[in-house]
Amino acid sequence: MKCHRYIRVRSVLLCLQASLAGALIAPRPAFAEVKIQKTITAEEAKQHVQETNTVCGVVASTRYLTRSKLTFLNLGRAYPDQPFTAVIPDAVRAKFKNPPEDLFKGKTICVTGLITTHNDKPQIVIDDPAQIEERETAASTNSPPAESPAK
């Protein structure tokens, strides 16, 4: 009687092991988290921390700090009331043809990347100059909007 019970318990354990092994080996469906990149304003950036998005706005103030070797592009309003900042480390700053604080001041730009915070202010740290795109504003263009061709 004990022998049969031992065999039965061992059989159940082997079945469980086989099921577990099969579950571990079987291919799993991909459930990767997909973040859809969207364009947001500097003011909206605070609600999108830890997301990769494109933040657009007018560069209200800029600053290059020689001590930390960081360039700051403040969108929306001037420092310290800026709702969003693009931070350019010195190694990336060197890749710009002109100093970014001169190149972008007063212009409308869009910055793409992971939104993080520093001192409770949203920011994107720039790894590549291609993350910053200058946009033309409606006031800066003298030509009327292009019309679609008639069909």
C-alpha atoms as a PDB file:
ATOM      1  CA  MET A   1       0.000   0.000   0.000  1.00  0.00           C
ATOM      2  CA  LYS A   2       2.796   2.416   0.859  1.00  0.00           C
ATOM      3  CA  CYS A   3       4.511   1.527  -2.385  1.00  0.00           C
ATOM      4  CA  HIS A   4       1.446   2.461  -4.456  1.00  0.00           C
ATOM      5  CA  ARG A   5       1.067   5.764  -2.618  1.00  0.00           C
ATOM      6  CA  TYR A   6       4.751   6.540  -3.210  1.00  0.00           C
ATOM      7  CA  ILE A   7       4.385   5.785  -6.925  1.00  0.00           C
ATOM      8  CA  ARG A   8       1.237   7.887  -7.170  1.00  0.00           C
ATOM      9  CA  VAL A   9       2.850  10.896  -5.410  1.00  0.00           C
ATOM     10  CA  ARG A  10       5.950  10.541  -7.565  1.00  0.00           C
ATOM     11  CA  SER A  11       3.781  10.393 -10.711  1.00  0.00           C
ATOM     12  CA  VAL A  12       1.931  13.569  -9.710  1.00  0.00           C
ATOM     13  CA  LEU A  13       5.224  15.342  -8.999  1.00  0.00           C
ATOM     14  CA  LEU A  14       6.643  14.273 -12.378  1.00  0.00           C
ATOM     15  CA  CYS A  15       3.513  15.545 -14.126  1.00  0.00           C
ATOM     16  CA  LEU A  16       3.793  18.875 -12.334  1.00  0.00           C
ATOM     17  CA  GLN A  17       7.478  19.120 -13.251  1.00  0.00           C
ATOM     18  CA  ALA A  18       6.707  18.348 -16.892  1.00  0.00           C
ATOM     19  CA  SER A  19       3.930  20.961 -16.962  1.00  0.00           C
ATOM     20  CA  LEU A  20       6.172  23.573 -15.390  1.00  0.00           C
ATOM     21  CA  ALA A  21       9.016  22.778 -17.785  1.00  0.00           C
ATOM     22  CA  GLY A  22       6.636  23.010 -20.736  1.00  0.00           C
ATOM     23  CA  ALA A  23       5.368  26.362 -19.540  1.00  0.00           C
ATOM     24  CA  LEU A  24       8.906  27.682 -19.194  1.00  0.00           C
ATOM     25  CA  ILE A  25      10.032  26.408 -22.595  1.00  0.00           C
ATOM     26  CA  ALA A  26       6.917  27.346 -24.592  1.00  0.00           C
ATOM     27  CA  PRO A  27       7.150  30.596 -26.538  1.00  0.00           C
ATOM     28  CA  ARG A  28       5.376  33.463 -24.841  1.00  0.00           C
ATOM     29  CA  PRO A  29       3.339  36.110 -26.576  1.00  0.00           C
ATOM     30  CA  ALA A  30       5.026  39.493 -26.717  1.00  0.00           C
ATOM     31  CA  PHE A  31       3.546  41.885 -24.190  1.00  0.00           C
ATOM     32  CA  ALA A  32       6.109  44.646 -24.567  1.00  0.00           C
ATOM     33  CA  GLU A  33       4.852  47.959 -23.279  1.00  0.00           C
ATOM     34  CA  VAL A  34       4.376  50.274 -26.210  1.00  0.00           C
ATOM     35  CA  LYS A  35       4.502  53.996 -25.549  1.00  0.00           C
ATOM     36  CA  ILE A  36       3.016  56.005 -28.364  1.00  0.00           C
ATOM     37  CA  GLN A  37       5.018  59.113 -28.979  1.00  0.00           C
ATOM     38  CA  LYS A  38       2.911  62.224 -29.220  1.00  0.00           C
ATOM     39  CA  THR A  39       3.467  65.947 -29.432  1.00  0.00           C
ATOM     40  CA  ILE A  40       2.697  67.892 -26.273  1.00  0.00           C
ATOM     41  CA  THR A  41       3.175  71.444 -25.020  1.00  0.00           C
ATOM     42  CA  ALA A  42       5.745  72.508 -22.439  1.00  0.00           C
ATOM     43  CA  GLU A  43       2.923  72.904 -19.908  1.00  0.00           C
ATOM     44  CA  GLU A  44       1.665  69.341 -20.524  1.00  0.00           C
ATOM     45  CA  ALA A  45       5.112  67.758 -20.044  1.00  0.00           C
ATOM     46  CA  LYS A  46       4.664  67.440 -16.266  1.00  0.00           C
ATOM     47  CA  GLN A  47       1.818  64.940 -16.814  1.00  0.00           C
ATOM     48  CA  HIS A  48       4.033  62.784 -19.077  1.00  0.00           C
ATOM     49  CA  VAL A  49       7.121  62.124 -16.928  1.00  0.00           C
ATOM     50  CA  GLN A  50       8.842  58.798 -17.772  1.00  0.00           C
ATOM     51  CA  GLU A  51       7.304  58.821 -21.246  1.00  0.00           C
ATOM     52  CA  THR A  52       9.036  59.421 -24.549  1.00  0.00           C
ATOM     53  CA  ASN A  53       7.294  62.311 -26.269  1.00  0.00           C
ATOM     54  CA  THR A  54       7.909  65.390 -28.365  1.00  0.00           C
ATOM     55  CA  VAL A  55       7.605  68.648 -26.435  1.00  0.00           C
ATOM     56  CA  CYS A  56       7.103  71.811 -28.487  1.00  0.00           C
ATOM     57  CA  GLY A  57       7.240  75.455 -27.473  1.00  0.00           C
ATOM     58  CA  VAL A  58       8.976  78.799 -27.777  1.00  0.00           C
ATOM     59  CA  VAL A  59      12.436  79.030 -26.204  1.00  0.00           C
ATOM     60  CA  ALA A  60      11.777  81.813 -23.673  1.00  0.00           C
ATOM     61  CA  SER A  61      15.255  81.817 -22.120  1.00  0.00           C
ATOM     62  CA  THR A  62      18.585  80.046 -22.483  1.00  0.00           C
ATOM     63  CA  ARG A  63      21.702  79.629 -20.415  1.00  0.00           C
ATOM     64  CA  TYR A  64      25.096  77.989 -20.710  1.00  0.00           C
ATOM     65  CA  LEU A  65      26.731  77.240 -17.367  1.00  0.00           C
ATOM     66  CA  THR A  66      30.506  77.122 -17.735  1.00  0.00           C
ATOM     67  CA  ARG A  67      30.979  75.342 -14.409  1.00  0.00           C
ATOM     68  CA  SER A  68      28.643  72.381 -15.081  1.00  0.00           C
ATOM     69  CA  LYS A  69      29.087  72.657 -18.875  1.00  0.00           C
ATOM     70  CA  LEU A  70      25.353  72.336 -19.420  1.00  0.00           C
ATOM     71  CA  THR A  71      23.152  74.320 -21.786  1.00  0.00           C
ATOM     72  CA  PHE A  72      19.541  74.963 -20.804  1.00  0.00           C
ATOM     73  CA  LEU A  73      16.750  75.799 -23.243  1.00  0.00           C
ATOM     74  CA  ASN A  74      13.687  76.870 -21.248  1.00  0.00           C
ATOM     75  CA  LEU A  75      10.399  76.509 -23.105  1.00  0.00           C
ATOM     76  CA  GLY A  76       7.198  78.404 -22.410  1.00  0.00           C
ATOM     77  CA  ARG A  77       8.488  80.912 -19.850  1.00  0.00           C
ATOM     78  CA  ALA A  78      11.877  82.150 -18.674  1.00  0.00           C
ATOM     79  CA  TYR A  79      13.795  80.527 -15.807  1.00  0.00           C
ATOM     80  CA  PRO A  80      12.830  80.005 -12.951  1.00  0.00           C
ATOM     81  CA  ASP A  81       9.177  79.815 -14.054  1.00  0.00           C
ATOM     82  CA  GLN A  82       9.783  77.561 -17.059  1.00  0.00           C
ATOM     83  CA  PRO A  83       7.358  74.646 -17.442  1.00  0.00           C
ATOM     84  CA  PHE A  84       9.947  72.574 -19.359  1.00  0.00           C
ATOM     85  CA  THR A  85      13.699  72.529 -20.071  1.00  0.00           C
ATOM     86  CA  ALA A  86      15.835  70.868 -22.720  1.00  0.00           C
ATOM     87  CA  VAL A  87      19.237  70.102 -21.177  1.00  0.00           C
ATOM     88  CA  ILE A  88      22.233  69.830 -23.492  1.00  0.00           C
ATOM     89  CA  PRO A  89      25.418  68.273 -22.016  1.00  0.00           C
ATOM     90  CA  ASP A  90      28.773  69.649 -23.177  1.00  0.00           C
ATOM     91  CA  ALA A  91      29.625  66.600 -25.317  1.00  0.00           C
ATOM     92  CA  VAL A  92      26.405  67.099 -27.301  1.00  0.00           C
ATOM     93  CA  ARG A  93      26.795  70.899 -27.355  1.00  0.00           C
ATOM     94  CA  ALA A  94      30.042  70.426 -29.290  1.00  0.00           C
ATOM     95  CA  LYS A  95      28.073  68.794 -32.125  1.00  0.00           C
ATOM     96  CA  PHE A  96      26.121  71.998 -32.866  1.00  0.00           C
ATOM     97  CA  LYS A  97      27.471  74.355 -35.526  1.00  0.00           C
ATOM     98  CA  ASN A  98      26.575  77.391 -33.359  1.00  0.00           C
ATOM     99  CA  PRO A  99      26.016  77.610 -29.588  1.00  0.00           C
ATOM    100  CA  PRO A 100      22.510  76.211 -28.953  1.00  0.00           C
ATOM    101  CA  GLU A 101      21.630  79.048 -26.562  1.00  0.00           C
ATOM    102  CA  ASP A 102      22.121  81.509 -29.456  1.00  0.00           C
ATOM    103  CA  LEU A 103      20.760  79.224 -32.161  1.00  0.00           C
ATOM    104  CA  PHE A 104      17.365  78.557 -30.539  1.00  0.00           C
ATOM    105  CA  LYS A 105      16.599  81.593 -28.323  1.00  0.00           C
ATOM    106  CA  GLY A 106      13.177  83.003 -29.211  1.00  0.00           C
ATOM    107  CA  LYS A 107      12.444  80.237 -31.709  1.00  0.00           C
ATOM    108  CA  THR A 108       9.791  77.541 -31.661  1.00  0.00           C
ATOM    109  CA  ILE A 109      11.384  74.125 -31.239  1.00  0.00           C
ATOM    110  CA  CYS A 110      10.286  70.558 -30.660  1.00  0.00           C
ATOM    111  CA  VAL A 111      12.385  68.310 -28.443  1.00  0.00           C
ATOM    112  CA  THR A 112      11.977  64.524 -28.559  1.00  0.00           C
ATOM    113  CA  GLY A 113      13.087  62.141 -25.822  1.00  0.00           C
ATOM    114  CA  LEU A 114      12.390  60.646 -22.418  1.00  0.00           C
ATOM    115  CA  ILE A 115      10.806  63.184 -20.085  1.00  0.00           C
ATOM    116  CA  THR A 116      12.383  63.150 -16.623  1.00  0.00           C
ATOM    117  CA  THR A 117      12.340  65.672 -13.785  1.00  0.00           C
ATOM    118  CA  HIS A 118      14.925  67.754 -11.957  1.00  0.00           C
ATOM    119  CA  ASN A 119      13.811  69.823  -8.962  1.00  0.00           C
ATOM    120  CA  ASP A 120      10.211  68.901  -9.824  1.00  0.00           C
ATOM    121  CA  LYS A 121      10.513  70.446 -13.309  1.00  0.00           C
ATOM    122  CA  PRO A 122      10.135  68.283 -16.439  1.00  0.00           C
ATOM    123  CA  GLN A 123      13.110  68.052 -18.762  1.00  0.00           C
ATOM    124  CA  ILE A 124      14.606  66.073 -21.613  1.00  0.00           C
ATOM    125  CA  VAL A 125      18.351  65.504 -21.603  1.00  0.00           C
ATOM    126  CA  ILE A 126      19.581  65.697 -25.180  1.00  0.00           C
ATOM    127  CA  ASP A 127      21.829  62.882 -26.462  1.00  0.00           C
ATOM    128  CA  ASP A 128      21.874  63.946 -30.101  1.00  0.00           C
ATOM    129  CA  PRO A 129      21.279  67.315 -31.812  1.00  0.00           C
ATOM    130  CA  ALA A 130      18.697  65.584 -34.041  1.00  0.00           C
ATOM    131  CA  GLN A 131      16.389  65.457 -30.987  1.00  0.00           C
ATOM    132  CA  ILE A 132      15.824  69.216 -31.392  1.00  0.00           C
ATOM    133  CA  GLU A 133      13.874  70.386 -34.406  1.00  0.00           C
ATOM    134  CA  GLU A 134      13.199  74.015 -35.172  1.00  0.00           C
ATOM    135  CA  ARG A 135       9.631  74.729 -36.267  1.00  0.00           C
ATOM    136  CA  GLU A 136       8.433  77.692 -38.244  1.00  0.00           C
ATOM    137  CA  THR A 137       5.663  79.645 -36.611  1.00  0.00           C
ATOM    138  CA  ALA A 138       2.720  80.987 -38.586  1.00  0.00           C
ATOM    139  CA  ALA A 139       3.904  84.552 -37.910  1.00  0.00           C
ATOM    140  CA  SER A 140       7.360  83.868 -39.377  1.00  0.00           C
ATOM    141  CA  THR A 141       6.089  82.645 -42.724  1.00  0.00           C
ATOM    142  CA  ASN A 142       5.023  85.231 -45.288  1.00  0.00           C
ATOM    143  CA  SER A 143       3.551  82.824 -47.785  1.00  0.00           C
ATOM    144  CA  PRO A 144      -0.015  81.536 -47.552  1.00  0.00           C
ATOM    145  CA  PRO A 145      -0.560  77.875 -46.692  1.00  0.00           C
ATOM    146  CA  ALA A 146      -0.158  75.534 -49.643  1.00  0.00           C
ATOM    147  CA  GLU A 147      -3.412  74.454 -51.243  1.00  0.00           C
ATOM    148  CA  SER A 148      -3.994  70.852 -52.163  1.00  0.00           C
ATOM    149  CA  PRO A 149      -4.237  70.246 -55.904  1.00  0.00           C
ATOM    150  CA  ALA A 150      -7.737  69.968 -57.359  1.00  0.00           C
ATOM    151  CA  LYS A 151      -8.806  66.463 -58.353  1.00  0.00           C
END
